[in-house]
Structure formats: structure tokens, C-alpha cells
Amino acid sequence: MNNTNVMTVRMPAELKSKITCLAKEQGVSANQFAMYLLTKGIVSVEYEQLVARLTEGYSEDEILRDFKEVMAKISESDDVPEWDRLPSTP
């Protein structure tokens, strides 16, 4: 990283201890592990926000109906490995 900034974060001692312990198990520094966890958390929140924006105004039933409609257009192929096939519906 070329552009780094320092950010002091206050956290409970137990959380810091867990980060330090897990980082050691992973073979990385506590700083690297904390950055990984923060990045993973931010991506998760951004994804949730995206899904909320894309599904706004649609009911769960509408989304499921449209999903099933799209999936019905996909033909099953013998080239798909057994472990990757969609389960058959009754």
C-alpha cells in the first residue's frame, strides 16, 4: 500500500487478544489480520446495501418468481459435473 493512514481504534482487551491470537495462527501480523477483517466486513455491508437497492420495491414472491423464470430458461447439459447440477424439483 502506497497511501497508508494511521487509525487508532479502541476495543475491548478480549477482542484485541482474539485478533492477536488468530493472526498468530494465520501467520500474519495483528495489523494485517485486523485489516483483513475490516475489509471483509466492509465488503459484506456494501453487498447488503447493493442487494437492498436492487430489490427495493419488489416482494420476495416477485423475486422468487422471476428467479425461477430465468432458471427455467437454462437448459441442463450433460457437460455439467454431477456435483454442480441443480437438484431436481418435484
N, C-alpha and C. Protein backbone atom coordinates (compact mmCIF):
# COMPACT_ATOMS: atom_id res chain seq x y z
N MET A 1 0.83 -1.18 0.00
CA MET A 1 0.00 0.00 0.00
C MET A 1 0.88 1.24 0.00
N ASN A 2 0.66 2.09 -0.95
CA ASN A 2 1.44 3.31 -1.03
C ASN A 2 0.89 4.40 -0.13
N ASN A 3 -0.41 4.53 -0.08
CA ASN A 3 -1.07 5.56 0.72
C ASN A 3 -1.67 4.95 1.96
N THR A 4 -0.95 4.99 3.06
CA THR A 4 -1.49 4.43 4.29
C THR A 4 -1.71 5.56 5.29
N ASN A 5 -2.70 5.40 6.10
CA ASN A 5 -3.01 6.32 7.18
C ASN A 5 -3.09 5.54 8.47
N VAL A 6 -2.83 6.22 9.55
CA VAL A 6 -2.92 5.60 10.86
C VAL A 6 -4.29 5.89 11.44
N MET A 7 -4.91 4.84 11.97
CA MET A 7 -6.21 4.99 12.62
C MET A 7 -6.15 4.24 13.94
N THR A 8 -6.36 4.95 15.01
CA THR A 8 -6.37 4.32 16.32
C THR A 8 -7.79 3.86 16.63
N VAL A 9 -7.91 2.60 16.99
CA VAL A 9 -9.23 2.04 17.29
C VAL A 9 -9.22 1.51 18.71
N ARG A 10 -10.16 1.98 19.50
CA ARG A 10 -10.30 1.45 20.86
C ARG A 10 -11.19 0.22 20.81
N MET A 11 -10.75 -0.83 21.49
CA MET A 11 -11.53 -2.07 21.52
C MET A 11 -11.31 -2.76 22.86
N PRO A 12 -12.24 -3.61 23.23
CA PRO A 12 -12.06 -4.37 24.47
C PRO A 12 -10.80 -5.24 24.39
N ALA A 13 -10.16 -5.43 25.53
CA ALA A 13 -8.93 -6.22 25.59
C ALA A 13 -9.16 -7.63 25.05
N GLU A 14 -10.33 -8.20 25.31
CA GLU A 14 -10.62 -9.56 24.85
C GLU A 14 -10.62 -9.63 23.32
N LEU A 15 -11.18 -8.61 22.67
CA LEU A 15 -11.21 -8.58 21.21
C LEU A 15 -9.79 -8.46 20.65
N LYS A 16 -9.00 -7.59 21.25
CA LYS A 16 -7.61 -7.43 20.80
C LYS A 16 -6.85 -8.74 20.97
N SER A 17 -7.09 -9.42 22.08
CA SER A 17 -6.44 -10.70 22.33
C SER A 17 -6.83 -11.74 21.28
N LYS A 18 -8.11 -11.77 20.91
CA LYS A 18 -8.56 -12.71 19.89
C LYS A 18 -7.92 -12.40 18.54
N ILE A 19 -7.86 -11.12 18.19
CA ILE A 19 -7.23 -10.73 16.92
C ILE A 19 -5.77 -11.16 16.91
N THR A 20 -5.07 -10.88 17.99
CA THR A 20 -3.65 -11.23 18.09
C THR A 20 -3.45 -12.74 17.99
N CYS A 21 -4.28 -13.50 18.71
CA CYS A 21 -4.17 -14.96 18.72
C CYS A 21 -4.48 -15.55 17.34
N LEU A 22 -5.56 -15.10 16.72
CA LEU A 22 -5.93 -15.62 15.40
C LEU A 22 -4.92 -15.21 14.33
N ALA A 23 -4.38 -14.01 14.45
CA ALA A 23 -3.36 -13.56 13.50
C ALA A 23 -2.13 -14.46 13.59
N LYS A 24 -1.75 -14.79 14.81
CA LYS A 24 -0.59 -15.66 15.02
C LYS A 24 -0.85 -17.03 14.39
N GLU A 25 -2.06 -17.56 14.58
CA GLU A 25 -2.42 -18.85 13.98
C GLU A 25 -2.34 -18.79 12.45
N GLN A 26 -2.70 -17.64 11.88
CA GLN A 26 -2.69 -17.47 10.43
C GLN A 26 -1.30 -17.12 9.89
N GLY A 27 -0.38 -16.80 10.79
CA GLY A 27 0.97 -16.46 10.37
C GLY A 27 1.10 -15.05 9.81
N VAL A 28 0.23 -14.16 10.27
CA VAL A 28 0.29 -12.76 9.83
C VAL A 28 0.31 -11.86 11.06
N SER A 29 0.59 -10.59 10.84
CA SER A 29 0.59 -9.64 11.95
C SER A 29 -0.84 -9.34 12.37
N ALA A 30 -0.97 -8.87 13.60
CA ALA A 30 -2.29 -8.47 14.09
C ALA A 30 -2.86 -7.36 13.23
N ASN A 31 -2.01 -6.45 12.77
CA ASN A 31 -2.45 -5.35 11.90
C ASN A 31 -3.00 -5.90 10.58
N GLN A 32 -2.28 -6.83 9.96
CA GLN A 32 -2.74 -7.41 8.70
C GLN A 32 -4.07 -8.13 8.89
N PHE A 33 -4.19 -8.87 9.98
CA PHE A 33 -5.42 -9.63 10.23
C PHE A 33 -6.59 -8.69 10.49
N ALA A 34 -6.35 -7.63 11.27
CA ALA A 34 -7.41 -6.65 11.54
C ALA A 34 -7.84 -5.97 10.25
N MET A 35 -6.89 -5.64 9.37
CA MET A 35 -7.22 -5.02 8.09
C MET A 35 -8.06 -5.98 7.24
N TYR A 36 -7.70 -7.26 7.26
CA TYR A 36 -8.46 -8.27 6.52
C TYR A 36 -9.90 -8.32 7.03
N LEU A 37 -10.06 -8.37 8.36
CA LEU A 37 -11.40 -8.44 8.95
C LEU A 37 -12.22 -7.19 8.63
N LEU A 38 -11.59 -6.02 8.71
CA LEU A 38 -12.30 -4.78 8.39
C LEU A 38 -12.72 -4.77 6.93
N THR A 39 -11.82 -5.17 6.05
CA THR A 39 -12.12 -5.20 4.62
C THR A 39 -13.27 -6.16 4.34
N LYS A 40 -13.21 -7.34 4.93
CA LYS A 40 -14.26 -8.34 4.76
C LYS A 40 -15.60 -7.80 5.26
N GLY A 41 -15.59 -7.13 6.39
CA GLY A 41 -16.81 -6.56 6.94
C GLY A 41 -17.39 -5.46 6.07
N ILE A 42 -16.52 -4.60 5.54
CA ILE A 42 -16.96 -3.51 4.68
C ILE A 42 -17.58 -4.06 3.40
N VAL A 43 -16.93 -5.05 2.79
CA VAL A 43 -17.46 -5.67 1.57
C VAL A 43 -18.84 -6.27 1.85
N SER A 44 -18.99 -6.89 3.00
CA SER A 44 -20.27 -7.50 3.36
C SER A 44 -21.37 -6.44 3.48
N VAL A 45 -21.07 -5.34 4.13
CA VAL A 45 -22.05 -4.26 4.29
C VAL A 45 -22.39 -3.66 2.93
N GLU A 46 -21.37 -3.43 2.09
CA GLU A 46 -21.62 -2.88 0.76
C GLU A 46 -22.51 -3.81 -0.07
N TYR A 47 -22.27 -5.12 0.04
CA TYR A 47 -23.09 -6.09 -0.69
C TYR A 47 -24.54 -6.05 -0.21
N GLU A 48 -24.72 -6.01 1.10
CA GLU A 48 -26.08 -5.94 1.65
C GLU A 48 -26.80 -4.69 1.16
N GLN A 49 -26.08 -3.57 1.10
CA GLN A 49 -26.68 -2.32 0.62
C GLN A 49 -27.06 -2.44 -0.86
N LEU A 50 -26.20 -3.07 -1.65
CA LEU A 50 -26.48 -3.26 -3.08
C LEU A 50 -27.73 -4.12 -3.28
N VAL A 51 -27.80 -5.22 -2.57
CA VAL A 51 -28.96 -6.11 -2.68
C VAL A 51 -30.22 -5.36 -2.26
N ALA A 52 -30.14 -4.58 -1.20
CA ALA A 52 -31.30 -3.81 -0.74
C ALA A 52 -31.75 -2.82 -1.82
N ARG A 53 -30.80 -2.15 -2.47
CA ARG A 53 -31.15 -1.20 -3.54
C ARG A 53 -31.78 -1.91 -4.73
N LEU A 54 -31.21 -3.05 -5.12
CA LEU A 54 -31.69 -3.77 -6.29
C LEU A 54 -33.06 -4.42 -6.07
N THR A 55 -33.36 -4.76 -4.84
CA THR A 55 -34.62 -5.45 -4.57
C THR A 55 -35.70 -4.52 -4.03
N GLU A 56 -35.35 -3.25 -3.87
CA GLU A 56 -36.32 -2.28 -3.34
C GLU A 56 -37.55 -2.21 -4.25
N GLY A 57 -38.71 -2.30 -3.66
CA GLY A 57 -39.94 -2.21 -4.42
C GLY A 57 -40.46 -3.54 -4.94
N TYR A 58 -39.70 -4.61 -4.71
CA TYR A 58 -40.12 -5.94 -5.15
C TYR A 58 -40.40 -6.81 -3.93
N SER A 59 -41.45 -7.60 -4.02
CA SER A 59 -41.75 -8.53 -2.92
C SER A 59 -40.87 -9.77 -3.07
N GLU A 60 -40.76 -10.51 -1.99
CA GLU A 60 -40.00 -11.76 -2.03
C GLU A 60 -40.60 -12.72 -3.06
N ASP A 61 -41.92 -12.75 -3.14
CA ASP A 61 -42.59 -13.62 -4.11
C ASP A 61 -42.25 -13.23 -5.55
N GLU A 62 -42.20 -11.92 -5.83
CA GLU A 62 -41.85 -11.46 -7.18
C GLU A 62 -40.42 -11.85 -7.53
N ILE A 63 -39.52 -11.68 -6.59
CA ILE A 63 -38.11 -12.01 -6.83
C ILE A 63 -37.97 -13.50 -7.09
N LEU A 64 -38.61 -14.31 -6.27
CA LEU A 64 -38.53 -15.76 -6.43
C LEU A 64 -39.15 -16.20 -7.75
N ARG A 65 -40.28 -15.62 -8.11
CA ARG A 65 -40.95 -15.95 -9.38
C ARG A 65 -40.03 -15.63 -10.56
N ASP A 66 -39.43 -14.44 -10.55
CA ASP A 66 -38.55 -14.04 -11.64
C ASP A 66 -37.30 -14.91 -11.70
N PHE A 67 -36.78 -15.28 -10.52
CA PHE A 67 -35.61 -16.15 -10.47
C PHE A 67 -35.93 -17.50 -11.09
N LYS A 68 -37.06 -18.06 -10.72
CA LYS A 68 -37.46 -19.36 -11.27
C LYS A 68 -37.67 -19.28 -12.78
N GLU A 69 -38.19 -18.15 -13.24
CA GLU A 69 -38.40 -17.95 -14.68
C GLU A 69 -37.07 -17.96 -15.43
N VAL A 70 -36.09 -17.28 -14.89
CA VAL A 70 -34.77 -17.25 -15.51
C VAL A 70 -34.13 -18.63 -15.46
N MET A 71 -34.21 -19.29 -14.32
CA MET A 71 -33.60 -20.61 -14.19
C MET A 71 -34.23 -21.62 -15.13
N ALA A 72 -35.52 -21.47 -15.43
CA ALA A 72 -36.21 -22.38 -16.34
C ALA A 72 -35.67 -22.26 -17.76
N LYS A 73 -35.08 -21.12 -18.09
CA LYS A 73 -34.53 -20.90 -19.43
C LYS A 73 -33.16 -21.55 -19.61
N ILE A 74 -32.56 -21.96 -18.52
CA ILE A 74 -31.24 -22.57 -18.58
C ILE A 74 -31.42 -24.06 -18.79
N SER A 75 -30.90 -24.56 -19.90
CA SER A 75 -31.06 -25.98 -20.17
C SER A 75 -29.99 -26.78 -19.43
N GLU A 76 -30.39 -27.96 -18.99
CA GLU A 76 -29.43 -28.84 -18.35
C GLU A 76 -28.52 -29.42 -19.41
N SER A 77 -27.28 -29.49 -19.09
CA SER A 77 -26.30 -30.01 -20.03
C SER A 77 -25.59 -31.20 -19.41
N ASP A 78 -25.27 -32.18 -20.23
CA ASP A 78 -24.53 -33.33 -19.74
C ASP A 78 -23.09 -32.97 -19.41
N ASP A 79 -22.67 -31.77 -19.84
CA ASP A 79 -21.30 -31.34 -19.58
C ASP A 79 -21.11 -30.86 -18.14
N VAL A 80 -22.20 -30.66 -17.42
CA VAL A 80 -22.10 -30.16 -16.05
C VAL A 80 -21.80 -31.34 -15.13
N PRO A 81 -20.75 -31.24 -14.31
CA PRO A 81 -20.44 -32.33 -13.39
C PRO A 81 -21.61 -32.58 -12.44
N GLU A 82 -21.77 -33.80 -12.03
CA GLU A 82 -22.89 -34.19 -11.16
C GLU A 82 -22.95 -33.31 -9.91
N TRP A 83 -21.80 -33.02 -9.30
CA TRP A 83 -21.77 -32.25 -8.06
C TRP A 83 -22.22 -30.80 -8.27
N ASP A 84 -22.25 -30.34 -9.54
CA ASP A 84 -22.61 -28.95 -9.82
C ASP A 84 -24.00 -28.81 -10.42
N ARG A 85 -24.73 -29.90 -10.49
CA ARG A 85 -26.08 -29.86 -11.07
C ARG A 85 -27.08 -29.34 -10.04
N LEU A 86 -28.10 -28.67 -10.55
CA LEU A 86 -29.18 -28.21 -9.68
C LEU A 86 -30.02 -29.40 -9.27
N PRO A 87 -30.50 -29.40 -8.03
CA PRO A 87 -31.36 -30.52 -7.62
C PRO A 87 -32.68 -30.46 -8.39
N SER A 88 -33.21 -31.63 -8.70
CA SER A 88 -34.49 -31.66 -9.41
C SER A 88 -35.60 -31.33 -8.43
N THR A 89 -36.60 -30.60 -8.93
CA THR A 89 -37.72 -30.21 -8.07
C THR A 89 -38.92 -31.10 -8.39
N PRO A 90 -39.66 -31.47 -7.35
CA PRO A 90 -40.83 -32.35 -7.57
C PRO A 90 -41.95 -31.65 -8.29
